[in-house]
Amino acid sequence: MTACLCIHGFTGSPMEVEPLAEYIQKHTNWECAIPTLPGHGSELSLKGIMYNEWIQHAEEVLKDLLKRHEIVYVVGFSMGGLIASYLATKYPIKKLILLSAAAYYVNFAQLHQDIRIICADFFKGRIRENEQYNRYMNKIKSTPLAATIQFRKLVQYVKPLLANIHVPTLIAQGEKDGIVPLKSASYIYNTIRAENKKMICVEESKHLICHCEKRETLFQEIITFLEETS
C-alpha cells in the first residue's frame, strides 16, 4: 500500500494542497493525508503556537502512515515544504515533493508588480475584486507578529538540515510567486544531496501553485516522478 502526506503552508489550510491530493486520489489508489497544522485552517488561531508544534503534528501523521503503508511520499507547500524536508531527514519516506518551499521568502520584484496591479485596481474602484489584495489583507489582519517570528525560527531550524536529504526529490516553483522567490528553489536544489533530483519552474504561477492554470500538467509530472523506479 502507498500513502502521500501533503502539508500546507504558513497561515494556510489544507485547501492549498487539496487540488493535488484530489488529483492523486483520482489517478491512483493511494491514501492522501492532509493535516491541518495547529492554529491554522479556515479560522486562524496562531497566538501562543510554537513552530515545533507544527513539525510535531506533521510528524505524528507521518508516523501513523508509516505504520500502515509500505511506501510513503511527502509533499510540502511553502512552509510545509520546510516541514516535509525535515521529515525526509528523519524518517524512511520514499520520495519528496517540494512546492514553493520557503527556504527564502518574499520575492520583492514580483511583490512590487503585484502592488502595482493592486494600486491600479484601487484607482479604478475595483480593489475589493482584487484577489491578491484580499489575500494579503486577510493574512496581515489574522497573523500575530509572534507567529511570524515562529515561522522564521522554523526556517532557520530546517535550512541547515537540507544537506541531509538523500531521497529522490522534485522541486516546483511558480514563476510569478510574490511570496517565495525562485532562488529558494535553486538553493534547495543545490543544497540537498539526493542523486535523483529535479527542479521545474511553472510559468505564470503565483504562490498558490496547486491552484495555478497549469496545475494539471504539474500534477501529472508529480505523479510520474513518484511512480518512476529510482
C-alpha atoms as a PDB file:
ATOM      1  CA  MET A   1       0.000   0.000   0.000  1.00  0.00           C
ATOM      2  CA  THR A   2       1.050   3.577  -0.735  1.00  0.00           C
ATOM      3  CA  ALA A   3       0.294   6.850   1.041  1.00  0.00           C
ATOM      4  CA  CYS A   4       1.032  10.506   0.433  1.00  0.00           C
ATOM      5  CA  LEU A   5       1.280  13.132   3.167  1.00  0.00           C
ATOM      6  CA  CYS A   6       0.524  16.679   1.946  1.00  0.00           C
ATOM      7  CA  ILE A   7       1.476  19.597   4.216  1.00  0.00           C
ATOM      8  CA  HIS A   8       0.106  23.117   3.733  1.00  0.00           C
ATOM      9  CA  GLY A   9       1.870  26.420   4.359  1.00  0.00           C
ATOM     10  CA  PHE A  10       2.127  29.138   6.992  1.00  0.00           C
ATOM     11  CA  THR A  11      -1.263  30.799   7.769  1.00  0.00           C
ATOM     12  CA  GLY A  12      -2.776  28.399   5.248  1.00  0.00           C
ATOM     13  CA  SER A  13      -5.030  25.360   5.293  1.00  0.00           C
ATOM     14  CA  PRO A  14      -5.440  22.013   3.507  1.00  0.00           C
ATOM     15  CA  MET A  15      -7.132  23.985   0.715  1.00  0.00           C
ATOM     16  CA  GLU A  16      -3.673  24.962  -0.529  1.00  0.00           C
ATOM     17  CA  VAL A  17      -2.777  21.380  -1.449  1.00  0.00           C
ATOM     18  CA  GLU A  18      -6.231  19.813  -1.886  1.00  0.00           C
ATOM     19  CA  PRO A  19      -6.241  20.053  -5.719  1.00  0.00           C
ATOM     20  CA  LEU A  20      -3.088  17.912  -5.833  1.00  0.00           C
ATOM     21  CA  ALA A  21      -4.433  15.423  -3.278  1.00  0.00           C
ATOM     22  CA  GLU A  22      -7.695  15.104  -5.228  1.00  0.00           C
ATOM     23  CA  TYR A  23      -5.779  14.559  -8.465  1.00  0.00           C
ATOM     24  CA  ILE A  24      -3.630  11.864  -6.846  1.00  0.00           C
ATOM     25  CA  GLN A  25      -6.666  10.083  -5.438  1.00  0.00           C
ATOM     26  CA  LYS A  26      -8.395  10.230  -8.830  1.00  0.00           C
ATOM     27  CA  HIS A  27      -5.439   8.706 -10.689  1.00  0.00           C
ATOM     28  CA  THR A  28      -4.091   6.256  -8.096  1.00  0.00           C
ATOM     29  CA  ASN A  29      -5.299   4.089  -5.216  1.00  0.00           C
ATOM     30  CA  TRP A  30      -3.055   5.866  -2.697  1.00  0.00           C
ATOM     31  CA  GLU A  31      -4.206   7.238   0.628  1.00  0.00           C
ATOM     32  CA  CYS A  32      -3.724  11.001   0.932  1.00  0.00           C
ATOM     33  CA  ALA A  33      -3.440  12.653   4.342  1.00  0.00           C
ATOM     34  CA  ILE A  34      -3.766  16.445   4.581  1.00  0.00           C
ATOM     35  CA  PRO A  35      -3.479  17.505   8.228  1.00  0.00           C
ATOM     36  CA  THR A  36      -4.342  20.985   9.472  1.00  0.00           C
ATOM     37  CA  LEU A  37      -1.367  22.348  11.376  1.00  0.00           C
ATOM     38  CA  PRO A  38      -2.030  23.772  14.885  1.00  0.00           C
ATOM     39  CA  GLY A  39      -3.540  27.257  14.766  1.00  0.00           C
ATOM     40  CA  HIS A  40      -4.237  27.004  11.038  1.00  0.00           C
ATOM     41  CA  GLY A  41      -7.310  26.307   8.944  1.00  0.00           C
ATOM     42  CA  SER A  42     -10.229  28.417   7.753  1.00  0.00           C
ATOM     43  CA  GLU A  43     -10.099  30.352  11.048  1.00  0.00           C
ATOM     44  CA  LEU A  44      -6.578  31.203  12.179  1.00  0.00           C
ATOM     45  CA  SER A  45      -5.710  30.947  15.871  1.00  0.00           C
ATOM     46  CA  LEU A  46      -1.933  31.261  15.896  1.00  0.00           C
ATOM     47  CA  LYS A  47      -1.430  33.060  19.184  1.00  0.00           C
ATOM     48  CA  GLY A  48       0.796  31.057  21.510  1.00  0.00           C
ATOM     49  CA  ILE A  49       1.658  28.365  18.935  1.00  0.00           C
ATOM     50  CA  MET A  50       5.340  27.384  18.717  1.00  0.00           C
ATOM     51  CA  TYR A  51       6.975  26.271  15.458  1.00  0.00           C
ATOM     52  CA  ASN A  52       7.871  22.862  16.880  1.00  0.00           C
ATOM     53  CA  GLU A  53       4.132  22.175  17.319  1.00  0.00           C
ATOM     54  CA  TRP A  54       3.679  22.423  13.552  1.00  0.00           C
ATOM     55  CA  ILE A  55       6.534  19.997  12.996  1.00  0.00           C
ATOM     56  CA  GLN A  56       5.340  17.567  15.667  1.00  0.00           C
ATOM     57  CA  HIS A  57       1.802  17.482  14.295  1.00  0.00           C
ATOM     58  CA  ALA A  58       3.002  16.567  10.799  1.00  0.00           C
ATOM     59  CA  GLU A  59       5.400  14.081  12.366  1.00  0.00           C
ATOM     60  CA  GLU A  60       2.609  12.242  14.174  1.00  0.00           C
ATOM     61  CA  VAL A  61       0.561  11.944  10.984  1.00  0.00           C
ATOM     62  CA  LEU A  62       3.601  10.629   9.108  1.00  0.00           C
ATOM     63  CA  LYS A  63       4.370   8.034  11.785  1.00  0.00           C
ATOM     64  CA  ASP A  64       0.809   6.742  11.526  1.00  0.00           C
ATOM     65  CA  LEU A  65       1.101   6.435   7.733  1.00  0.00           C
ATOM     66  CA  LEU A  66       4.439   4.625   8.033  1.00  0.00           C
ATOM     67  CA  LYS A  67       2.847   2.077  10.354  1.00  0.00           C
ATOM     68  CA  ARG A  68       0.132   1.277   7.816  1.00  0.00           C
ATOM     69  CA  HIS A  69       1.870   1.629   4.432  1.00  0.00           C
ATOM     70  CA  GLU A  70       4.971   0.193   2.797  1.00  0.00           C
ATOM     71  CA  ILE A  71       5.534   3.291   0.684  1.00  0.00           C
ATOM     72  CA  VAL A  72       5.016   6.851   1.919  1.00  0.00           C
ATOM     73  CA  TYR A  73       5.678  10.021  -0.055  1.00  0.00           C
ATOM     74  CA  VAL A  74       5.704  13.504   1.454  1.00  0.00           C
ATOM     75  CA  VAL A  75       4.567  16.700  -0.265  1.00  0.00           C
ATOM     76  CA  GLY A  76       5.173  20.107   1.292  1.00  0.00           C
ATOM     77  CA  PHE A  77       3.911  23.503   0.153  1.00  0.00           C
ATOM     78  CA  SER A  78       5.624  26.752   1.209  1.00  0.00           C
ATOM     79  CA  MET A  79       6.384  26.414   4.956  1.00  0.00           C
ATOM     80  CA  GLY A  80       5.072  22.866   4.615  1.00  0.00           C
ATOM     81  CA  GLY A  81       7.979  22.272   2.251  1.00  0.00           C
ATOM     82  CA  LEU A  82      10.397  23.003   5.084  1.00  0.00           C
ATOM     83  CA  ILE A  83       8.482  20.671   7.404  1.00  0.00           C
ATOM     84  CA  ALA A  84       8.482  17.991   4.696  1.00  0.00           C
ATOM     85  CA  SER A  85      12.234  18.467   4.271  1.00  0.00           C
ATOM     86  CA  TYR A  86      12.771  17.941   7.995  1.00  0.00           C
ATOM     87  CA  LEU A  87      10.692  14.743   7.882  1.00  0.00           C
ATOM     88  CA  ALA A  88      12.748  13.479   4.943  1.00  0.00           C
ATOM     89  CA  THR A  89      15.912  13.691   7.047  1.00  0.00           C
ATOM     90  CA  LYS A  90      14.433  11.715   9.929  1.00  0.00           C
ATOM     91  CA  TYR A  91      12.001   9.127   8.536  1.00  0.00           C
ATOM     92  CA  PRO A  92      12.185   6.466   5.779  1.00  0.00           C
ATOM     93  CA  ILE A  93       9.979   8.188   3.239  1.00  0.00           C
ATOM     94  CA  LYS A  94      10.469   7.117  -0.379  1.00  0.00           C
ATOM     95  CA  LYS A  95      10.278  10.446  -2.223  1.00  0.00           C
ATOM     96  CA  LEU A  96       9.859  14.134  -1.501  1.00  0.00           C
ATOM     97  CA  ILE A  97       7.894  16.814  -3.371  1.00  0.00           C
ATOM     98  CA  LEU A  98       8.612  20.461  -2.524  1.00  0.00           C
ATOM     99  CA  LEU A  99       6.174  23.069  -3.854  1.00  0.00           C
ATOM    100  CA  SER A 100       7.121  26.742  -3.453  1.00  0.00           C
ATOM    101  CA  ALA A 101       9.194  25.663  -0.449  1.00  0.00           C
ATOM    102  CA  ALA A 102      10.107  28.688   1.682  1.00  0.00           C
ATOM    103  CA  ALA A 103      13.846  28.390   2.297  1.00  0.00           C
ATOM    104  CA  TYR A 104      13.739  32.077   1.328  1.00  0.00           C
ATOM    105  CA  TYR A 105      10.650  34.252   1.415  1.00  0.00           C
ATOM    106  CA  VAL A 106       9.340  37.473  -0.098  1.00  0.00           C
ATOM    107  CA  ASN A 107      10.081  37.955  -3.772  1.00  0.00           C
ATOM    108  CA  PHE A 108      10.418  41.747  -3.791  1.00  0.00           C
ATOM    109  CA  ALA A 109      10.462  42.091  -7.584  1.00  0.00           C
ATOM    110  CA  GLN A 110       7.233  40.128  -8.047  1.00  0.00           C
ATOM    111  CA  LEU A 111       5.686  41.702  -4.950  1.00  0.00           C
ATOM    112  CA  HIS A 112       6.316  45.128  -6.494  1.00  0.00           C
ATOM    113  CA  GLN A 113       4.448  44.061  -9.627  1.00  0.00           C
ATOM    114  CA  ASP A 114       1.550  42.729  -7.554  1.00  0.00           C
ATOM    115  CA  ILE A 115       1.351  46.016  -5.619  1.00  0.00           C
ATOM    116  CA  ARG A 116       1.273  47.978  -8.879  1.00  0.00           C
ATOM    117  CA  ILE A 117      -1.728  45.922 -10.036  1.00  0.00           C
ATOM    118  CA  ILE A 118      -3.406  46.367  -6.639  1.00  0.00           C
ATOM    119  CA  CYS A 119      -2.891  50.156  -6.841  1.00  0.00           C
ATOM    120  CA  ALA A 120      -4.283  50.243 -10.387  1.00  0.00           C
ATOM    121  CA  ASP A 121      -7.403  48.389  -9.231  1.00  0.00           C
ATOM    122  CA  PHE A 122      -7.697  50.770  -6.265  1.00  0.00           C
ATOM    123  CA  PHE A 123      -7.821  53.844  -8.517  1.00  0.00           C
ATOM    124  CA  LYS A 124     -10.297  52.081 -10.797  1.00  0.00           C
ATOM    125  CA  GLY A 125     -12.563  51.382  -7.804  1.00  0.00           C
ATOM    126  CA  ARG A 126     -12.081  47.615  -8.148  1.00  0.00           C
ATOM    127  CA  ILE A 127      -9.888  46.974  -5.114  1.00  0.00           C
ATOM    128  CA  ARG A 128     -12.378  44.606  -3.451  1.00  0.00           C
ATOM    129  CA  GLU A 129     -12.324  42.455  -6.575  1.00  0.00           C
ATOM    130  CA  ASN A 130      -8.551  42.030  -6.460  1.00  0.00           C
ATOM    131  CA  GLU A 131      -7.819  38.514  -5.177  1.00  0.00           C
ATOM    132  CA  GLN A 132      -4.207  39.331  -4.269  1.00  0.00           C
ATOM    133  CA  TYR A 133      -5.267  42.345  -2.189  1.00  0.00           C
ATOM    134  CA  ASN A 134      -7.902  40.351  -0.312  1.00  0.00           C
ATOM    135  CA  ARG A 135      -5.434  37.537   0.407  1.00  0.00           C
ATOM    136  CA  TYR A 136      -2.693  39.879   1.632  1.00  0.00           C
ATOM    137  CA  MET A 137      -5.090  41.832   3.853  1.00  0.00           C
ATOM    138  CA  ASN A 138      -6.592  38.706   5.388  1.00  0.00           C
ATOM    139  CA  LYS A 139      -3.134  37.357   6.181  1.00  0.00           C
ATOM    140  CA  ILE A 140      -1.997  40.645   7.733  1.00  0.00           C
ATOM    141  CA  LYS A 141      -5.111  41.007   9.904  1.00  0.00           C
ATOM    142  CA  SER A 142      -5.060  37.448  11.235  1.00  0.00           C
ATOM    143  CA  THR A 143      -1.326  36.825  11.714  1.00  0.00           C
ATOM    144  CA  PRO A 144       0.239  37.851  15.054  1.00  0.00           C
ATOM    145  CA  LEU A 145       3.835  39.080  14.897  1.00  0.00           C
ATOM    146  CA  ALA A 146       4.796  36.279  17.271  1.00  0.00           C
ATOM    147  CA  ALA A 147       3.537  33.708  14.754  1.00  0.00           C
ATOM    148  CA  THR A 148       5.656  35.264  12.001  1.00  0.00           C
ATOM    149  CA  ILE A 149       8.663  35.012  14.324  1.00  0.00           C
ATOM    150  CA  GLN A 150       7.901  31.320  14.858  1.00  0.00           C
ATOM    151  CA  PHE A 151       7.757  30.818  11.093  1.00  0.00           C
ATOM    152  CA  ARG A 152      11.187  32.411  10.745  1.00  0.00           C
ATOM    153  CA  LYS A 153      12.528  30.205  13.531  1.00  0.00           C
ATOM    154  CA  LEU A 154      11.259  27.131  11.699  1.00  0.00           C
ATOM    155  CA  VAL A 155      13.063  28.204   8.518  1.00  0.00           C
ATOM    156  CA  GLN A 156      16.279  28.838  10.464  1.00  0.00           C
ATOM    157  CA  TYR A 157      15.975  25.437  12.153  1.00  0.00           C
ATOM    158  CA  VAL A 158      15.388  23.418   8.986  1.00  0.00           C
ATOM    159  CA  LYS A 159      17.709  25.099   6.453  1.00  0.00           C
ATOM    160  CA  PRO A 160      20.905  23.589   7.931  1.00  0.00           C
ATOM    161  CA  LEU A 161      19.294  20.136   7.654  1.00  0.00           C
ATOM    162  CA  LEU A 162      18.653  20.329   3.905  1.00  0.00           C
ATOM    163  CA  ALA A 163      22.079  18.856   3.146  1.00  0.00           C
ATOM    164  CA  ASN A 164      20.920  15.667   4.884  1.00  0.00           C
ATOM    165  CA  ILE A 165      18.218  14.979   2.283  1.00  0.00           C
ATOM    166  CA  HIS A 166      19.124  11.975   0.127  1.00  0.00           C
ATOM    167  CA  VAL A 167      15.717  10.730  -1.056  1.00  0.00           C
ATOM    168  CA  PRO A 168      14.580  11.451  -4.647  1.00  0.00           C
ATOM    169  CA  THR A 169      13.201  14.992  -4.664  1.00  0.00           C
ATOM    170  CA  LEU A 170      11.100  17.054  -7.079  1.00  0.00           C
ATOM    171  CA  ILE A 171      11.130  20.821  -6.534  1.00  0.00           C
ATOM    172  CA  ALA A 172       8.495  23.021  -8.224  1.00  0.00           C
ATOM    173  CA  GLN A 173       8.362  26.806  -8.119  1.00  0.00           C
ATOM    174  CA  GLY A 174       5.922  29.342  -9.564  1.00  0.00           C
ATOM    175  CA  GLU A 175       7.490  31.797 -11.998  1.00  0.00           C
ATOM    176  CA  LYS A 176       5.480  34.733 -10.614  1.00  0.00           C
ATOM    177  CA  ASP A 177       5.447  33.803  -6.939  1.00  0.00           C
ATOM    178  CA  GLY A 178       5.453  37.024  -4.892  1.00  0.00           C
ATOM    179  CA  ILE A 179       5.956  35.193  -1.597  1.00  0.00           C
ATOM    180  CA  VAL A 180       8.771  32.722  -2.283  1.00  0.00           C
ATOM    181  CA  PRO A 181      11.467  33.755  -4.795  1.00  0.00           C
ATOM    182  CA  LEU A 182      12.913  31.418  -7.406  1.00  0.00           C
ATOM    183  CA  LYS A 183      16.252  31.496  -5.585  1.00  0.00           C
ATOM    184  CA  SER A 184      14.616  29.431  -2.836  1.00  0.00           C
ATOM    185  CA  ALA A 185      14.061  26.511  -5.219  1.00  0.00           C
ATOM    186  CA  SER A 186      17.575  26.896  -6.626  1.00  0.00           C
ATOM    187  CA  TYR A 187      19.071  26.956  -3.138  1.00  0.00           C
ATOM    188  CA  ILE A 188      17.260  23.779  -2.120  1.00  0.00           C
ATOM    189  CA  TYR A 189      18.170  22.023  -5.361  1.00  0.00           C
ATOM    190  CA  ASN A 190      21.858  22.876  -4.929  1.00  0.00           C
ATOM    191  CA  THR A 191      21.913  22.021  -1.213  1.00  0.00           C
ATOM    192  CA  ILE A 192      20.169  18.665  -0.960  1.00  0.00           C
ATOM    193  CA  ARG A 193      22.295  15.585  -1.624  1.00  0.00           C
ATOM    194  CA  ALA A 194      19.749  13.472  -3.454  1.00  0.00           C
ATOM    195  CA  GLU A 195      21.194  11.738  -6.515  1.00  0.00           C
ATOM    196  CA  ASN A 196      17.763  11.821  -8.130  1.00  0.00           C
ATOM    197  CA  LYS A 197      16.510  15.406  -8.031  1.00  0.00           C
ATOM    198  CA  LYS A 198      14.571  17.607 -10.418  1.00  0.00           C
ATOM    199  CA  MET A 199      13.540  21.259 -10.436  1.00  0.00           C
ATOM    200  CA  ILE A 200      10.760  22.723 -12.553  1.00  0.00           C
ATOM    201  CA  CYS A 201       9.517  26.283 -12.924  1.00  0.00           C
ATOM    202  CA  VAL A 202       5.794  26.705 -13.596  1.00  0.00           C
ATOM    203  CA  GLU A 203       5.143  29.619 -15.953  1.00  0.00           C
ATOM    204  CA  GLU A 204       2.676  32.302 -14.842  1.00  0.00           C
ATOM    205  CA  SER A 205       2.097  30.567 -11.490  1.00  0.00           C
ATOM    206  CA  LYS A 206       1.918  32.686  -8.355  1.00  0.00           C
ATOM    207  CA  HIS A 207       2.380  31.339  -4.826  1.00  0.00           C
ATOM    208  CA  LEU A 208      -0.625  29.002  -4.716  1.00  0.00           C
ATOM    209  CA  ILE A 209       0.963  26.650  -7.207  1.00  0.00           C
ATOM    210  CA  CYS A 210      -1.621  23.894  -6.726  1.00  0.00           C
ATOM    211  CA  HIS A 211      -4.291  26.327  -7.933  1.00  0.00           C
ATOM    212  CA  CYS A 212      -2.448  27.717 -10.976  1.00  0.00           C
ATOM    213  CA  GLU A 213      -3.782  27.373 -14.522  1.00  0.00           C
ATOM    214  CA  LYS A 214      -1.160  24.758 -15.397  1.00  0.00           C
ATOM    215  CA  ARG A 215      -1.756  22.674 -12.310  1.00  0.00           C
ATOM    216  CA  GLU A 216      -2.820  19.517 -14.148  1.00  0.00           C
ATOM    217  CA  THR A 217       0.453  19.437 -16.078  1.00  0.00           C
ATOM    218  CA  LEU A 218       2.314  19.940 -12.799  1.00  0.00           C
ATOM    219  CA  PHE A 219       0.283  17.224 -11.060  1.00  0.00           C
ATOM    220  CA  GLN A 220       0.996  14.742 -13.846  1.00  0.00           C
ATOM    221  CA  GLU A 221       4.722  15.486 -13.555  1.00  0.00           C
ATOM    222  CA  ILE A 222       4.498  14.859  -9.827  1.00  0.00           C
ATOM    223  CA  ILE A 223       2.753  11.506 -10.227  1.00  0.00           C
ATOM    224  CA  THR A 224       5.189  10.473 -12.964  1.00  0.00           C
ATOM    225  CA  PHE A 225       8.120  11.342 -10.694  1.00  0.00           C
ATOM    226  CA  LEU A 226       6.624   9.437  -7.767  1.00  0.00           C
ATOM    227  CA  GLU A 227       5.804   6.333  -9.804  1.00  0.00           C
ATOM    228  CA  GLU A 228       9.063   6.031 -11.711  1.00  0.00           C
ATOM    229  CA  THR A 229      11.581   3.483 -10.475  1.00  0.00           C
ATOM    230  CA  SER A 230      14.538   5.093  -8.704  1.00  0.00           C
END
